[in-house]
Amino acid sequence: MIRIKPLRSIAKLSRVAQPHRSGAPAVARIGMVVLCCLVVVSCASVPAEAPYNLGVAAYKKRNYSEAAAQWTKSVARGNTEAMNNLGYLLYNGYGVDRDTDRAVKLWRVASEAGESESQWHLGRAYETGIGVERSLSKAYAWYQCAIETASNNSTAANKDHDTEEAILEDAKGSLLKMKEGLSASDLERGQALAAEYTARYGKPAP
């Protein structure tokens, strides 16, 4: 599953006061010019943000192929949240041909950029060995990194704190369950990798 983060803000049209009926026709024309300028500026700012939000809307309607198409556009613009979400669709074959290799690559890029949920997904991939060579020590490390990142991001000041808290609980649950069958050597190696990963990728979101 994925924890969909709230829609990213799309520039909205500013309201322009209507000219007074008693004003000269020129005032009305000026108002229209200002409104048109605002429309142009606003529309120019929408495309950079719209694909992610359109993908969220499509995903919530279970239109996974459309969600994948929109998030692909957003990924091309470097959106790491879209990388996480598109990776999930690819990994499970929802709305697209299943491609676990590509999914893991997207999660890795997003993980190294500090996306907590991608770190959790990457840990799961290493635990199961689907899309990557199985490694319980790396699974442990990425789960621990996801816990650190989500914990840092779950403060009330973060706009996504509710989502990050949910990711935090997901990662904790995965780590707790996996640790039950972890060997001493995997645990030791995992702890060493976790220290490295959290130092590099467990930073609070900007």
Protein backbone atom coordinates (compact mmCIF):
# COMPACT_ATOMS: atom_id res chain seq x y z
CA MET A 1 0.00 0.00 0.00
CA ILE A 2 0.98 3.62 -0.26
CA ARG A 3 0.17 6.48 2.06
CA ILE A 4 -0.99 9.16 -0.37
CA LYS A 5 0.17 12.56 0.78
CA PRO A 6 -2.24 15.51 0.52
CA LEU A 7 -2.66 17.25 -2.80
CA ARG A 8 0.14 19.64 -3.54
CA SER A 9 -0.92 23.27 -3.82
CA ILE A 10 -1.88 24.41 -7.30
CA ALA A 11 -1.78 28.12 -7.98
CA LYS A 12 -5.30 29.49 -7.79
CA LEU A 13 -6.78 32.45 -9.61
CA SER A 14 -6.84 35.56 -7.49
CA ARG A 15 -10.19 37.23 -7.23
CA VAL A 16 -10.33 40.61 -8.90
CA ALA A 17 -12.89 43.08 -7.68
CA GLN A 18 -15.52 43.92 -10.28
CA PRO A 19 -15.48 47.54 -11.45
CA HIS A 20 -18.21 49.75 -10.07
CA ARG A 21 -21.14 50.23 -12.39
CA SER A 22 -20.62 53.98 -12.17
CA GLY A 23 -16.99 53.70 -13.34
CA ALA A 24 -15.92 54.64 -16.85
CA PRO A 25 -15.73 51.86 -19.48
CA ALA A 26 -11.94 52.14 -19.34
CA VAL A 27 -12.01 50.95 -15.72
CA ALA A 28 -13.85 47.82 -16.76
CA ARG A 29 -11.34 47.19 -19.54
CA ILE A 30 -8.45 47.60 -17.08
CA GLY A 31 -10.10 45.11 -14.74
CA MET A 32 -10.42 42.61 -17.58
CA VAL A 33 -6.76 43.09 -18.54
CA VAL A 34 -5.66 42.48 -14.96
CA LEU A 35 -7.85 39.37 -14.75
CA CYS A 36 -6.43 38.01 -18.02
CA CYS A 37 -2.90 38.59 -16.78
CA LEU A 38 -3.68 36.71 -13.58
CA VAL A 39 -5.13 33.82 -15.60
CA VAL A 40 -2.00 33.62 -17.75
CA VAL A 41 0.35 33.71 -14.76
CA SER A 42 -1.71 31.17 -12.84
CA CYS A 43 -1.98 28.76 -15.75
CA ALA A 44 1.74 29.03 -16.32
CA SER A 45 2.37 27.84 -12.77
CA VAL A 46 -0.13 24.96 -12.76
CA PRO A 47 1.60 22.45 -15.11
CA ALA A 48 4.59 21.94 -12.79
CA GLU A 49 2.28 20.86 -9.96
CA ALA A 50 -0.77 19.43 -11.69
CA PRO A 51 0.43 15.93 -12.70
CA TYR A 52 1.04 14.81 -9.12
CA ASN A 53 -2.41 15.96 -8.02
CA LEU A 54 -4.09 14.47 -11.08
CA GLY A 55 -2.36 11.20 -10.28
CA VAL A 56 -3.67 11.30 -6.71
CA ALA A 57 -7.19 11.94 -7.96
CA ALA A 58 -6.97 9.07 -10.44
CA TYR A 59 -5.50 6.71 -7.82
CA LYS A 60 -8.33 7.44 -5.39
CA LYS A 61 -10.78 6.48 -8.17
CA ARG A 62 -8.75 3.29 -8.74
CA ASN A 63 -7.89 4.46 -12.24
CA TYR A 64 -4.34 3.18 -11.85
CA SER A 65 -3.33 3.51 -15.49
CA GLU A 66 -4.17 7.22 -15.44
CA ALA A 67 -2.43 7.64 -12.08
CA ALA A 68 0.67 6.02 -13.55
CA ALA A 69 0.56 8.28 -16.60
CA GLN A 70 0.28 11.42 -14.48
CA TRP A 71 2.93 10.38 -11.97
CA THR A 72 5.26 9.51 -14.84
CA LYS A 73 5.04 13.15 -15.93
CA SER A 74 5.70 14.26 -12.37
CA VAL A 75 8.68 11.91 -12.06
CA ALA A 76 10.19 13.47 -15.17
CA ARG A 77 10.17 16.75 -13.26
CA GLY A 78 11.97 15.22 -10.30
CA ASN A 79 9.05 14.79 -7.90
CA THR A 80 10.19 12.17 -5.38
CA GLU A 81 6.69 11.59 -3.99
CA ALA A 82 5.58 10.65 -7.51
CA MET A 83 8.60 8.33 -7.74
CA ASN A 84 7.40 6.55 -4.62
CA ASN A 85 3.84 6.23 -5.88
CA LEU A 86 4.72 5.21 -9.43
CA GLY A 87 7.15 2.67 -8.02
CA TYR A 88 4.30 1.13 -6.03
CA LEU A 89 2.15 0.76 -9.15
CA LEU A 90 5.04 -0.73 -11.12
CA TYR A 91 6.06 -3.09 -8.33
CA ASN A 92 2.56 -4.53 -8.10
CA GLY A 93 1.49 -4.19 -11.72
CA TYR A 94 -1.43 -1.88 -10.97
CA GLY A 95 -2.54 -0.16 -14.18
CA VAL A 96 0.82 -0.91 -15.82
CA ASP A 97 2.97 -3.88 -16.79
CA ARG A 98 4.73 -5.12 -13.70
CA ASP A 99 8.34 -3.92 -13.59
CA THR A 100 9.95 -4.54 -10.22
CA ASP A 101 13.40 -3.48 -11.44
CA ARG A 102 12.18 -0.04 -12.44
CA ALA A 103 10.13 0.25 -9.28
CA VAL A 104 13.17 -0.40 -7.10
CA LYS A 105 15.22 2.10 -9.07
CA LEU A 106 12.58 4.78 -8.47
CA TRP A 107 12.39 3.91 -4.79
CA ARG A 108 16.15 4.07 -4.47
CA VAL A 109 16.34 7.56 -5.95
CA ALA A 110 13.46 8.74 -3.75
CA SER A 111 14.94 7.02 -0.69
CA GLU A 112 18.26 8.75 -1.14
CA ALA A 113 16.36 12.04 -1.41
CA GLY A 114 14.73 11.39 1.97
CA GLU A 115 11.32 9.91 1.07
CA SER A 116 10.39 7.84 4.11
CA GLU A 117 7.82 5.67 2.39
CA SER A 118 10.24 4.76 -0.42
CA GLN A 119 12.73 3.75 2.26
CA TRP A 120 10.10 1.50 3.78
CA HIS A 121 9.24 -0.01 0.37
CA LEU A 122 12.92 -0.55 -0.37
CA GLY A 123 13.27 -2.38 2.93
CA ARG A 124 10.35 -4.60 2.01
CA ALA A 125 11.91 -5.35 -1.38
CA TYR A 126 15.16 -6.43 0.27
CA GLU A 127 13.26 -8.54 2.79
CA THR A 128 11.33 -10.42 0.11
CA GLY A 129 14.02 -10.43 -2.56
CA ILE A 130 11.59 -9.21 -5.21
CA GLY A 131 13.26 -6.74 -7.55
CA VAL A 132 16.60 -6.97 -5.74
CA GLU A 133 18.83 -9.66 -4.33
CA ARG A 134 17.46 -10.62 -0.92
CA SER A 135 19.36 -9.11 1.99
CA LEU A 136 17.90 -9.02 5.48
CA SER A 137 20.68 -6.72 6.69
CA LYS A 138 19.79 -4.14 4.03
CA ALA A 139 16.10 -4.63 4.75
CA TYR A 140 16.80 -3.89 8.42
CA ALA A 141 18.82 -0.82 7.50
CA TRP A 142 16.18 0.66 5.19
CA TYR A 143 13.38 -0.04 7.66
CA GLN A 144 15.40 1.71 10.36
CA CYS A 145 16.12 4.61 8.00
CA ALA A 146 12.41 4.92 7.19
CA ILE A 147 11.65 5.04 10.92
CA GLU A 148 14.21 7.79 11.44
CA THR A 149 13.04 9.84 8.48
CA ALA A 150 9.33 9.49 9.24
CA SER A 151 9.98 10.32 12.89
CA ASN A 152 11.79 13.49 11.88
CA ASN A 153 8.96 14.39 9.52
CA SER A 154 6.05 13.61 11.83
CA THR A 155 6.26 16.83 13.81
CA ALA A 156 3.15 18.98 13.94
CA ALA A 157 4.94 21.67 11.94
CA ASN A 158 5.23 19.36 8.92
CA LYS A 159 2.25 19.59 6.59
CA ASP A 160 2.39 15.83 6.03
CA HIS A 161 2.79 14.86 9.70
CA ASP A 162 -0.30 12.60 9.75
CA THR A 163 0.94 10.67 6.72
CA GLU A 164 4.44 10.45 8.15
CA GLU A 165 3.10 9.09 11.43
CA ALA A 166 1.31 6.35 9.50
CA ILE A 167 4.51 5.52 7.57
CA LEU A 168 6.39 5.47 10.87
CA GLU A 169 4.01 2.85 12.26
CA ASP A 170 4.20 0.82 9.03
CA ALA A 171 7.99 0.75 9.13
CA LYS A 172 8.10 -0.10 12.83
CA GLY A 173 5.70 -2.97 12.27
CA SER A 174 7.75 -4.36 9.37
CA LEU A 175 10.99 -4.12 11.33
CA LEU A 176 9.54 -5.72 14.45
CA LYS A 177 8.14 -8.64 12.48
CA MET A 178 11.37 -9.21 10.53
CA LYS A 179 13.63 -9.02 13.60
CA GLU A 180 12.02 -12.14 15.04
CA GLY A 181 13.86 -14.32 12.51
CA LEU A 182 16.99 -12.23 12.07
CA SER A 183 20.34 -13.92 12.67
CA ALA A 184 22.96 -12.31 14.88
CA SER A 185 25.21 -11.61 11.90
CA ASP A 186 22.40 -10.02 9.85
CA LEU A 187 21.43 -7.90 12.84
CA GLU A 188 24.98 -6.70 13.37
CA ARG A 189 25.44 -5.89 9.69
CA GLY A 190 22.00 -4.29 9.53
CA GLN A 191 22.74 -2.02 12.47
CA ALA A 192 25.98 -0.86 10.86
CA LEU A 193 24.20 -0.13 7.56
CA ALA A 194 21.32 1.57 9.38
CA ALA A 195 23.74 3.99 11.01
CA GLU A 196 25.16 4.79 7.58
CA TYR A 197 21.79 5.16 5.85
CA THR A 198 20.17 7.26 8.55
CA ALA A 199 23.16 9.59 8.63
CA ARG A 200 22.93 10.09 4.88
CA TYR A 201 19.22 9.79 4.10
CA GLY A 202 17.27 10.12 7.35
CA LYS A 203 17.15 13.89 7.30
CA PRO A 204 14.06 15.96 8.10
CA ALA A 205 12.14 17.01 5.01
CA PRO A 206 12.98 20.55 3.87
